[in-house]
Protein backbone atom coordinates (compact mmCIF):
# COMPACT_ATOMS: atom_id res chain seq x y z
CA MET A 1 42.50 -17.81 -5.67
CA SER A 2 40.80 -19.94 -7.79
CA GLU A 3 42.48 -21.22 -11.06
CA LEU A 4 40.54 -19.47 -13.61
CA PRO A 5 39.49 -21.32 -16.80
CA ARG A 6 40.81 -19.96 -19.98
CA THR A 7 37.57 -20.84 -22.02
CA ALA A 8 33.89 -21.05 -21.68
CA ASP A 9 30.95 -21.06 -23.28
CA VAL A 10 29.52 -18.10 -21.10
CA LEU A 11 31.36 -15.71 -19.15
CA ILE A 12 29.52 -14.36 -16.02
CA VAL A 13 31.03 -11.60 -14.35
CA GLY A 14 29.20 -11.02 -11.09
CA ALA A 15 28.18 -13.63 -8.37
CA GLY A 16 25.21 -11.85 -6.33
CA PRO A 17 21.92 -13.73 -6.58
CA VAL A 18 21.36 -12.59 -10.50
CA GLY A 19 25.18 -13.92 -11.75
CA LEU A 20 24.30 -17.04 -9.49
CA THR A 21 21.30 -17.75 -10.82
CA LEU A 22 22.21 -17.41 -14.29
CA ALA A 23 25.34 -20.05 -13.88
CA ALA A 24 23.08 -22.72 -12.41
CA SER A 25 20.45 -22.30 -14.82
CA LEU A 26 22.96 -22.42 -17.78
CA GLN A 27 24.97 -25.49 -15.76
CA ALA A 28 21.43 -27.41 -15.41
CA ARG A 29 21.34 -26.94 -19.50
CA GLY A 30 24.63 -28.60 -19.85
CA VAL A 31 26.30 -24.65 -20.84
CA ASP A 32 29.62 -24.57 -19.72
CA VAL A 33 29.83 -21.38 -17.38
CA VAL A 34 32.60 -19.82 -16.18
CA LEU A 35 31.23 -17.26 -13.03
CA VAL A 36 33.64 -14.73 -11.48
CA ASP A 37 33.53 -12.04 -9.08
CA ARG A 38 35.83 -9.74 -7.54
CA ALA A 39 35.46 -10.48 -4.24
CA ALA A 40 37.09 -12.42 -2.15
CA GLU A 41 34.34 -14.06 -0.28
CA ALA A 42 30.64 -13.73 -0.71
CA ALA A 43 28.83 -11.02 1.91
CA ARG A 44 27.99 -11.94 4.50
CA THR A 45 24.79 -9.22 5.04
CA SER A 46 21.35 -9.42 4.31
CA ARG A 47 20.81 -6.42 1.76
CA ALA A 48 17.85 -7.41 -0.66
CA ALA A 49 15.26 -9.31 1.77
CA VAL A 50 11.71 -9.97 -0.44
CA ILE A 51 11.43 -12.92 -2.44
CA HIS A 52 8.32 -12.05 -4.86
CA ALA A 53 5.73 -15.00 -5.89
CA ARG A 54 7.40 -14.71 -9.81
CA THR A 55 10.67 -15.26 -8.60
CA LEU A 56 9.52 -18.41 -7.09
CA GLU A 57 8.16 -19.78 -9.95
CA VAL A 58 10.83 -19.27 -12.20
CA LEU A 59 13.30 -20.45 -9.78
CA HIS A 60 11.73 -24.19 -9.99
CA THR A 61 13.70 -24.20 -13.09
CA ILE A 62 16.89 -24.89 -10.86
CA ASP A 63 14.92 -26.63 -8.12
CA VAL A 64 15.81 -24.09 -5.11
CA SER A 65 12.68 -22.69 -4.63
CA ASP A 66 11.63 -24.98 -1.71
CA GLU A 67 14.38 -25.07 -0.10
CA LEU A 68 14.33 -21.00 -0.48
CA VAL A 69 10.56 -21.25 1.01
CA ARG A 70 11.73 -23.59 3.78
CA ARG A 71 14.26 -20.81 5.60
CA GLY A 72 12.47 -18.03 4.96
CA VAL A 73 9.07 -16.11 6.58
CA ILE A 74 6.18 -16.57 4.61
CA VAL A 75 4.30 -12.93 4.42
CA PRO A 76 0.84 -12.93 2.57
CA ARG A 77 -0.14 -9.64 3.18
CA PHE A 78 1.10 -6.20 2.21
CA THR A 79 -0.75 -2.81 3.83
CA LEU A 80 0.15 1.24 2.61
CA ARG A 81 -0.52 2.97 6.28
CA ASP A 82 -0.66 6.71 7.49
CA ARG A 83 0.60 6.48 11.32
CA ASP A 84 -2.15 3.90 13.02
CA ARG A 85 -4.54 3.80 9.63
CA ALA A 86 -3.68 1.10 7.72
CA LEU A 87 -4.92 3.30 3.50
CA LEU A 88 -4.68 0.06 1.77
CA THR A 89 -4.56 -3.69 2.21
CA ILE A 90 -3.46 -6.23 -0.45
CA ASP A 91 -3.42 -9.78 0.24
CA PHE A 92 -2.05 -12.17 -2.09
CA ASP A 93 -4.16 -15.05 -0.80
CA GLY A 94 -6.07 -16.49 -4.18
CA LEU A 95 -3.17 -15.43 -6.88
CA PRO A 96 -2.91 -17.63 -9.69
CA THR A 97 0.20 -19.00 -8.12
CA PRO A 98 1.71 -21.66 -6.60
CA HIS A 99 3.21 -18.99 -3.70
CA PRO A 100 0.67 -16.98 -2.59
CA TYR A 101 2.64 -14.79 -0.65
CA THR A 102 5.64 -12.79 -0.33
CA LEU A 103 9.25 -14.45 0.95
CA MET A 104 10.63 -12.55 3.42
CA LEU A 105 14.95 -14.09 3.05
CA PRO A 106 18.21 -12.43 3.57
CA GLN A 107 20.28 -12.31 0.67
CA ASP A 108 22.99 -13.76 2.04
CA ILE A 109 21.37 -16.89 3.03
CA THR A 110 19.56 -16.53 -0.72
CA GLU A 111 22.71 -16.46 -1.95
CA ASP A 112 24.33 -19.20 0.11
CA VAL A 113 21.37 -21.62 -0.94
CA LEU A 114 21.64 -20.40 -4.64
CA THR A 115 25.90 -21.24 -4.34
CA GLY A 116 24.50 -24.65 -2.98
CA ARG A 117 22.61 -25.35 -6.13
CA LEU A 118 25.11 -24.37 -8.16
CA ALA A 119 27.77 -26.78 -6.65
CA GLU A 120 25.69 -30.13 -7.05
CA LEU A 121 25.12 -28.81 -10.88
CA GLY A 122 29.15 -28.87 -11.06
CA GLY A 123 29.71 -25.10 -11.36
CA ARG A 124 31.05 -22.34 -8.71
CA VAL A 125 32.75 -19.02 -8.17
CA HIS A 126 36.10 -17.74 -8.96
CA ARG A 127 37.26 -14.90 -6.72
CA PRO A 128 38.71 -13.12 -7.09
CA TYR A 129 38.81 -11.73 -10.33
CA GLU A 130 38.16 -8.24 -11.13
CA LEU A 131 37.32 -7.44 -15.12
CA ALA A 132 39.68 -4.77 -16.52
CA ARG A 133 38.62 -5.35 -20.35
CA LEU A 134 36.57 -7.00 -23.27
CA GLU A 135 37.42 -7.24 -26.75
CA GLN A 136 34.97 -8.40 -28.67
CA ASP A 137 35.23 -10.10 -32.29
CA GLY A 138 32.82 -12.06 -34.72
CA ASP A 139 33.82 -15.02 -32.99
CA GLY A 140 33.72 -14.48 -29.28
CA VAL A 141 34.85 -12.16 -26.46
CA THR A 142 38.00 -12.08 -24.79
CA ALA A 143 37.94 -10.72 -21.37
CA THR A 144 41.01 -9.83 -19.71
CA MET A 145 41.25 -9.70 -15.86
CA ALA A 146 42.94 -7.03 -13.63
CA GLY A 147 45.69 -9.44 -12.63
CA GLY A 148 46.09 -10.24 -16.31
CA GLU A 149 44.43 -13.86 -16.94
CA THR A 150 42.05 -14.13 -19.98
CA VAL A 151 38.95 -16.43 -20.84
CA ARG A 152 38.30 -17.06 -23.90
CA ALA A 153 34.38 -17.09 -24.44
CA ALA A 154 31.30 -17.31 -26.74
CA TYR A 155 29.23 -14.93 -24.46
CA VAL A 156 29.53 -12.63 -21.52
CA VAL A 157 27.52 -11.37 -19.05
CA GLY A 158 27.52 -8.26 -17.00
CA ALA A 159 25.84 -9.32 -13.65
CA ASP A 160 27.87 -7.04 -11.84
CA GLY A 161 25.35 -4.56 -10.48
CA MET A 162 25.15 -1.14 -10.74
CA HIS A 163 28.54 0.05 -11.13
CA SER A 164 28.96 -2.29 -13.63
CA ALA A 165 32.10 -2.88 -15.40
CA VAL A 166 30.66 -4.81 -18.37
CA ARG A 167 28.31 -2.34 -19.18
CA GLU A 168 31.21 0.43 -18.65
CA GLN A 169 33.18 -1.68 -21.36
CA THR A 170 30.72 -1.81 -23.54
CA GLY A 171 29.47 1.73 -23.64
CA ILE A 172 26.32 1.39 -23.16
CA GLY A 173 24.52 4.25 -21.39
CA PHE A 174 22.56 3.73 -18.26
CA THR A 175 19.63 6.69 -18.04
CA GLY A 176 17.93 7.88 -15.23
CA ASP A 177 18.96 10.15 -11.82
CA THR A 178 19.49 9.69 -8.50
CA TYR A 179 17.26 9.92 -5.46
CA GLY A 180 17.34 13.20 -3.64
CA GLN A 181 17.14 11.17 -0.03
CA SER A 182 19.66 8.76 0.90
CA PHE A 183 18.12 5.37 2.18
CA VAL A 184 18.63 3.48 5.32
CA VAL A 185 17.98 -0.07 5.81
CA ALA A 186 18.44 -2.00 9.23
CA ASP A 187 18.11 -5.55 10.32
CA VAL A 188 16.32 -5.42 13.98
CA HIS A 189 15.05 -6.50 17.52
CA LEU A 190 11.80 -4.60 17.65
CA ASP A 191 9.25 -5.25 20.55
CA TRP A 192 6.61 -5.19 18.16
CA GLU A 193 2.82 -5.44 18.70
CA PHE A 194 1.75 -6.23 15.25
CA ASP A 195 1.31 -9.27 12.96
CA ASP A 196 4.50 -10.56 11.66
CA ARG A 197 2.52 -11.95 8.63
CA GLU A 198 2.18 -8.38 7.17
CA VAL A 199 5.02 -6.05 5.39
CA MET A 200 4.12 -2.25 6.48
CA LEU A 201 4.69 0.35 3.85
CA TYR A 202 4.35 3.69 6.34
CA PHE A 203 3.66 7.05 4.41
CA ALA A 204 5.39 10.39 6.28
CA PRO A 205 5.68 13.75 5.37
CA ALA A 206 9.52 12.99 6.07
CA GLY A 207 9.40 10.14 3.89
CA LEU A 208 8.72 6.35 3.63
CA LEU A 209 9.10 3.82 6.44
CA VAL A 210 9.05 0.21 5.61
CA VAL A 211 8.54 -2.62 8.28
CA ALA A 212 8.73 -6.24 7.23
CA PRO A 213 9.63 -9.40 9.43
CA LEU A 214 12.29 -11.51 9.13
CA PRO A 215 13.94 -15.14 10.03
CA GLY A 216 14.78 -15.38 13.69
CA GLY A 217 12.64 -12.85 14.92
CA ARG A 218 14.20 -10.14 13.12
CA HIS A 219 12.56 -7.10 11.50
CA ARG A 220 14.05 -5.37 8.34
CA ILE A 221 13.46 -1.57 8.33
CA VAL A 222 13.92 0.25 5.02
CA ALA A 223 13.13 4.72 5.16
CA THR A 224 14.32 7.11 3.47
CA ALA A 225 16.42 10.06 5.22
CA ASP A 226 17.64 13.71 4.12
CA VAL A 227 20.87 13.05 6.14
CA ALA A 228 21.65 9.44 7.96
CA PRO A 229 24.95 8.04 9.15
CA GLU A 230 26.77 5.63 7.20
CA HIS A 231 26.01 2.57 10.17
CA PRO A 232 22.59 3.90 11.66
CA ASP A 233 22.63 3.11 15.65
CA ARG A 234 19.54 1.91 17.32
CA ASP A 235 18.91 5.73 18.17
CA ASP A 236 18.71 6.38 14.72
CA ILE A 237 16.17 3.60 13.84
CA GLN A 238 14.35 4.18 17.00
CA ALA A 239 13.53 7.84 15.84
CA LEU A 240 12.42 7.02 12.24
CA LEU A 241 10.42 4.32 13.60
CA ASP A 242 8.75 7.19 16.67
CA ALA A 243 8.17 9.68 13.64
CA ARG A 244 6.83 7.71 10.84
CA GLY A 245 5.62 4.54 12.69
CA PRO A 246 2.50 3.22 14.70
CA ARG A 247 1.69 6.07 17.73
CA LYS A 248 -0.85 3.68 19.61
CA ARG A 249 1.42 0.66 19.97
CA PRO A 250 4.86 2.08 19.07
CA ALA A 251 7.64 -0.14 18.15
CA LEU A 252 10.59 -0.66 20.44
CA VAL A 253 14.44 -1.11 18.93
CA ARG A 254 16.01 -3.78 21.50
CA ASP A 255 19.14 -3.72 19.07
CA VAL A 256 20.29 -3.28 15.83
CA VAL A 257 22.06 -6.33 14.33
CA TRP A 258 23.06 -4.49 10.98
CA SER A 259 22.46 -1.30 9.58
CA SER A 260 24.05 0.59 6.42
CA ARG A 261 23.06 4.30 4.49
CA PHE A 262 23.11 4.17 0.68
CA ARG A 263 21.95 6.60 -2.16
CA VAL A 264 18.90 4.95 -4.55
CA HIS A 265 19.21 5.48 -8.53
CA HIS A 266 16.41 4.97 -10.92
CA ARG A 267 18.24 4.43 -14.66
CA LEU A 268 17.54 1.85 -17.14
CA ALA A 269 20.26 0.64 -19.68
CA ASP A 270 19.71 2.03 -23.18
CA ARG A 271 20.04 -1.44 -24.31
CA TYR A 272 20.36 -4.74 -23.01
CA ARG A 273 23.27 -6.14 -25.84
CA GLU A 274 26.03 -4.90 -27.47
CA GLY A 275 27.39 -7.91 -29.87
CA ARG A 276 28.17 -10.98 -27.50
CA VAL A 277 27.92 -8.85 -24.51
CA PHE A 278 24.92 -8.66 -22.22
CA LEU A 279 23.22 -7.11 -18.90
CA ALA A 280 21.28 -8.63 -16.82
CA GLY A 281 20.23 -7.45 -12.76
CA ASP A 282 21.26 -3.77 -11.33
CA ALA A 283 23.91 -3.71 -14.05
CA ALA A 284 20.74 -3.29 -16.67
CA HIS A 285 18.22 -1.39 -13.71
CA VAL A 286 17.98 0.54 -10.89
CA HIS A 287 15.60 1.54 -8.20
CA SER A 288 13.81 2.20 -5.61
CA PRO A 289 13.60 -0.42 -3.06
CA ALA A 290 9.43 0.28 -2.56
CA GLY A 291 8.24 -2.78 -3.85
CA GLY A 292 11.45 -5.02 -3.28
CA GLN A 293 11.61 -5.94 -6.88
CA GLY A 294 15.12 -5.23 -7.46
CA MET A 295 16.46 -8.65 -7.07
CA ASN A 296 13.53 -10.04 -8.12
CA THR A 297 13.16 -8.36 -11.24
CA GLY A 298 17.06 -9.35 -12.12
CA VAL A 299 16.24 -13.40 -11.23
CA GLN A 300 13.93 -13.45 -13.50
CA ASP A 301 16.48 -11.62 -16.16
CA ALA A 302 18.80 -14.42 -15.57
CA VAL A 303 16.45 -16.81 -16.03
CA ALA A 304 14.99 -15.69 -19.22
CA LEU A 305 18.48 -14.88 -20.63
CA ALA A 306 19.78 -18.60 -19.87
CA ALA A 307 17.04 -20.32 -22.18
CA ARG A 308 17.48 -17.99 -25.06
CA LEU A 309 21.76 -18.91 -24.45
CA ALA A 310 21.30 -22.67 -23.92
CA ARG A 311 18.52 -22.62 -26.96
CA VAL A 312 21.86 -21.18 -29.47
CA LEU A 313 24.68 -22.68 -27.22
CA ARG A 314 23.38 -26.24 -27.11
CA ASP A 315 20.21 -26.38 -29.71
CA GLY A 316 21.67 -24.80 -32.06
CA ALA A 317 19.34 -21.83 -32.77
CA ASP A 318 20.17 -18.65 -34.83
CA ASP A 319 21.63 -15.40 -32.74
CA GLY A 320 18.42 -13.98 -33.55
CA VAL A 321 17.13 -15.62 -30.24
CA LEU A 322 19.29 -13.43 -28.53
CA ASP A 323 17.80 -10.10 -29.69
CA GLY A 324 14.40 -11.31 -28.09
CA TYR A 325 16.13 -11.17 -24.28
CA GLU A 326 16.11 -7.58 -24.56
CA ALA A 327 12.78 -6.89 -26.24
CA GLU A 328 11.18 -9.63 -23.18
CA ARG A 329 13.00 -7.99 -20.47
CA ARG A 330 13.43 -4.28 -21.06
CA PRO A 331 10.03 -3.35 -21.23
CA ILE A 332 9.83 -5.45 -17.57
CA ALA A 333 12.62 -3.09 -16.04
CA ALA A 334 11.12 0.34 -17.77
CA ASP A 335 7.46 -0.11 -16.11
CA VAL A 336 9.24 -1.85 -13.02
CA VAL A 337 11.17 1.75 -12.61
CA ALA A 338 8.61 3.55 -13.16
CA PHE A 339 5.95 2.02 -10.84
CA THR A 340 8.83 2.06 -7.66
CA ASP A 341 9.13 5.93 -8.77
CA ARG A 342 5.18 6.42 -8.36
CA MET A 343 5.36 4.57 -5.25
CA THR A 344 8.29 6.73 -3.60
CA ARG A 345 6.96 9.92 -4.49
CA VAL A 346 3.40 8.91 -3.22
CA ALA A 347 4.97 7.90 0.07
CA THR A 348 6.77 10.97 0.42
CA VAL A 349 3.87 13.24 -0.64
CA ASP A 350 4.74 16.66 2.31
CA ARG A 351 1.97 19.13 1.44
CA PRO A 352 -0.86 18.22 4.28
CA ALA A 353 -3.78 18.74 1.77
CA VAL A 354 -2.13 16.49 -0.82
CA ARG A 355 -1.64 13.84 1.79
CA ARG A 356 -5.44 14.19 3.03
CA VAL A 357 -6.14 13.59 -0.92
CA ARG A 358 -3.55 11.12 -1.30
CA ASN A 359 -5.21 8.74 2.09
CA ALA A 360 -9.01 9.19 1.24
CA MET A 361 -8.02 7.82 -2.42
CA LEU A 362 -6.17 4.99 -1.24
CA ARG A 363 -8.99 4.21 1.00
CA VAL A 364 -11.91 4.34 -1.36
CA LEU A 365 -9.37 2.13 -4.03
CA GLY A 366 -8.87 -0.13 -1.26
CA ARG A 367 -12.60 -0.83 -1.15
CA ILE A 368 -12.82 -2.37 -4.61
CA PRO A 369 -11.71 -5.88 -5.33
CA ALA A 370 -10.60 -5.79 -8.53
CA VAL A 371 -8.06 -2.92 -7.48
CA ARG A 372 -6.70 -5.37 -4.94
CA ARG A 373 -6.17 -7.99 -7.44
CA THR A 374 -4.28 -5.84 -9.45
CA MET A 375 -1.91 -4.30 -6.84
CA ALA A 376 -1.38 -8.04 -5.38
CA LEU A 377 -0.36 -8.80 -9.05
CA LYS A 378 1.94 -5.75 -9.86
CA LEU A 379 3.94 -6.20 -6.29
CA SER A 380 3.92 -10.01 -7.09
CA GLU A 381 5.70 -9.64 -10.01
CA LEU A 382 3.41 -11.21 -11.43
CA ALA A 383 1.71 -8.97 -13.97
CA ILE A 384 4.20 -10.05 -16.74
CA ASP A 385 2.47 -12.86 -18.86
CA ARG A 386 0.17 -10.66 -21.45
CA ARG A 387 1.10 -7.11 -22.23
CA ARG A 388 -1.80 -4.72 -21.32
CA ARG A 389 -1.46 -0.78 -21.84
CA GLY A 390 -3.27 1.65 -19.78
CA HIS A 391 -3.91 -0.37 -16.74
CA GLY A 392 -2.83 -2.29 -13.55
CA ASP A 393 -0.95 1.27 -11.85
CA ASP A 394 -3.53 2.77 -9.61
CA LEU A 395 -0.98 5.06 -8.14
CA ALA A 396 -0.57 7.17 -11.58
CA GLY A 397 -3.30 8.90 -10.68
CA LEU A 398 -1.74 10.03 -7.38
CA ALA A 399 1.73 10.26 -8.63
CA GLY A 400 1.44 12.53 -11.29
CA PRO A 401 2.68 11.31 -15.30
CA SER A 402 5.48 8.97 -16.55
CA ALA A 403 6.73 7.41 -19.37
CA ASP A 404 4.43 5.71 -21.04
CA GLU A 405 5.70 2.18 -20.92
CA PRO A 406 4.04 -1.35 -21.76
CA VAL A 407 2.67 -2.86 -18.75
CA ARG A 408 2.10 -6.51 -18.98
CA ASP A 409 -0.51 -8.62 -16.67
CA ARG A 410 -1.81 -11.88 -16.58
CA ASP A 411 -5.13 -13.68 -15.25
CA ALA A 412 -4.46 -17.08 -16.07
CA ALA A 413 -2.53 -19.40 -13.72
CA PRO A 414 1.00 -19.24 -14.22
CA THR A 415 3.63 -22.25 -15.17
CA ALA A 416 7.06 -22.67 -13.68
CA SER A 417 8.69 -22.47 -17.22
CA SER A 418 6.96 -19.14 -18.71
């Protein structure tokens, strides 16, 4: 156990990708940070494995994007499929970004890169420290750990996941629901004849199935399941591929490297700030893994919040600058929650007549270049620079109504600091 500093400008609770990004971003701006995590060591499982273009853009601010790209698998295409038929193909080539692709990289490697960069900037993760209590006053926040240690900070950020202790301490509501099905995730070695420059999302009456390439010749499998063991084995994953994947050239699972089962929620924090305490990442929003946008949205939260905290703590800006964090980021998270929910419901339609209509509509939409571009912007999370209502979501008509939330889009080329 490392000795815990007694004071900090910012205390960050949770050292996953979001907490690490926030800590490195603040350190790079000269802000004194203490980052704590309750786990004795970093997780060594791959978990989130998709890094989108917008995330790589914002991570240029802490000089890690090139290393992430070097260690990952570049995937320039995303397809929606029904067994052997491609219904809609989305190409990321030509998007207004230095990274016109999806990057596939296991979360443990992403965390290694971020941890290394944080160390280069003079920071570290303090383990294991579990938050027990937060007490705010007009000048700061006192955080007490389960072992009795205290940290006095000007601000505290909860980047501690869906079951956030920081969120619970502030009393911020977490509104939403839980999907009835479980999700299975596994990293496997496959005998697979398809192009590894493509992420494939298969639609099936029993649920969705995602197959995506990973470094080292592995593939990531994600699937919904009514019933699944805690750690699905080779036979379990093979059964999912047989029932939902390609028929003419079936995939064969050679072995399972890692697997898990989890329940998925779609929830959004009622607010992102309570006095001097903020939420980021899964502590603020959770949703379906369809589209692989969870970690990405959280990392972008972190970079946006770091910029605002640095303006207040180092540049002397008024505290009101921090109110803009929720105004900027919560509508984006609301849109992601709604969009991924629609994708999940569209993928799991089980009535044959509705499936036929869905497939026909997707094939028609797939012939329209503007639709393909809009979907590419949305999936890559590049659609975040200019607010626009009522456009950019071509799944809405297939999946029914949802909350009327602002959607942000862009047409101009991005910058790393935007």
